[in-house]
Amino acid sequence: MVVDSKNMGKIVFFEMEEWEKEHASDAFGSEVQTTEEKLSEKNIELAKDVQIISTFIYSTLNKEILS
């Protein structure tokens, strides 16, 4: 299966360091949002209307967040 990484829809990356942000945009196109924040109930609006949510180890992934 071939995946077109430039047309995957909206993607948000949480816990991204500054040096990683350019790489994410280059790899996945213009519909990429990045933040250094960890995902939590306080900033869940950043993930609204996206097709893919990418987190690292400090983000909260529970039933409330994923619903």
Protein backbone atom coordinates (compact mmCIF):
# COMPACT_ATOMS: atom_id res chain seq x y z
CA MET A 1 0.00 0.00 0.00
CA VAL A 2 1.29 3.45 -0.92
CA VAL A 3 0.37 6.35 1.36
CA ASP A 4 0.47 9.93 0.10
CA SER A 5 1.77 11.68 3.21
CA LYS A 6 1.05 15.11 1.71
CA ASN A 7 -2.71 14.44 1.50
CA MET A 8 -3.55 12.79 4.81
CA GLY A 9 -5.83 15.58 6.03
CA LYS A 10 -5.24 17.72 9.08
CA ILE A 11 -2.62 16.48 11.54
CA VAL A 12 -1.69 17.91 14.93
CA PHE A 13 1.57 16.99 16.66
CA PHE A 14 1.82 17.58 20.40
CA GLU A 15 5.09 17.79 22.37
CA MET A 16 7.12 18.77 19.30
CA GLU A 17 10.46 20.40 19.88
CA GLU A 18 11.36 23.37 17.71
CA TRP A 19 13.83 21.42 15.57
CA GLU A 20 11.15 18.79 14.75
CA LYS A 21 8.50 21.21 13.48
CA GLU A 22 10.09 21.89 10.09
CA HIS A 23 10.55 18.17 9.47
CA ALA A 24 6.87 17.51 10.20
CA SER A 25 5.77 20.25 7.81
CA ASP A 26 8.11 19.01 5.09
CA ALA A 27 6.91 15.42 5.47
CA PHE A 28 3.18 16.00 5.84
CA GLY A 29 2.40 19.25 4.03
CA SER A 30 0.66 22.43 4.96
CA GLU A 31 -2.16 20.96 7.02
CA VAL A 32 0.18 20.22 9.92
CA GLN A 33 -0.19 21.94 13.26
CA THR A 34 2.55 21.61 15.87
CA THR A 35 2.80 22.59 19.50
CA GLU A 36 5.28 22.07 22.29
CA GLU A 37 2.37 21.55 24.69
CA LYS A 38 1.33 18.10 25.81
CA LEU A 39 -2.25 17.12 24.96
CA SER A 40 -4.63 17.62 27.87
CA GLU A 41 -8.23 18.57 28.56
CA LYS A 42 -7.07 22.21 28.73
CA ASN A 43 -5.95 22.33 25.08
CA ILE A 44 -8.10 19.68 23.41
CA GLU A 45 -9.47 22.39 21.08
CA LEU A 46 -6.15 22.22 19.21
CA ALA A 47 -7.16 18.72 18.09
CA LYS A 48 -10.66 19.65 16.93
CA ASP A 49 -11.45 18.71 13.33
CA VAL A 50 -8.16 16.89 12.68
CA GLN A 51 -7.85 13.41 11.22
CA ILE A 52 -4.61 12.45 13.01
CA ILE A 53 -3.40 13.30 16.52
CA SER A 54 0.22 12.54 17.32
CA THR A 55 1.50 12.70 20.90
CA PHE A 56 4.56 11.78 22.86
CA ILE A 57 4.78 10.17 26.29
CA TYR A 58 3.62 13.06 28.51
CA SER A 59 0.25 13.70 26.87
CA THR A 60 -2.97 12.50 28.46
CA LEU A 61 -4.86 9.96 26.36
CA ASN A 62 -7.97 8.93 28.21
CA LYS A 63 -11.63 8.36 27.40
CA GLU A 64 -12.53 12.04 27.82
CA ILE A 65 -9.74 13.23 25.53
CA LEU A 66 -10.37 10.66 22.82
CA SER A 67 -14.18 11.10 22.74
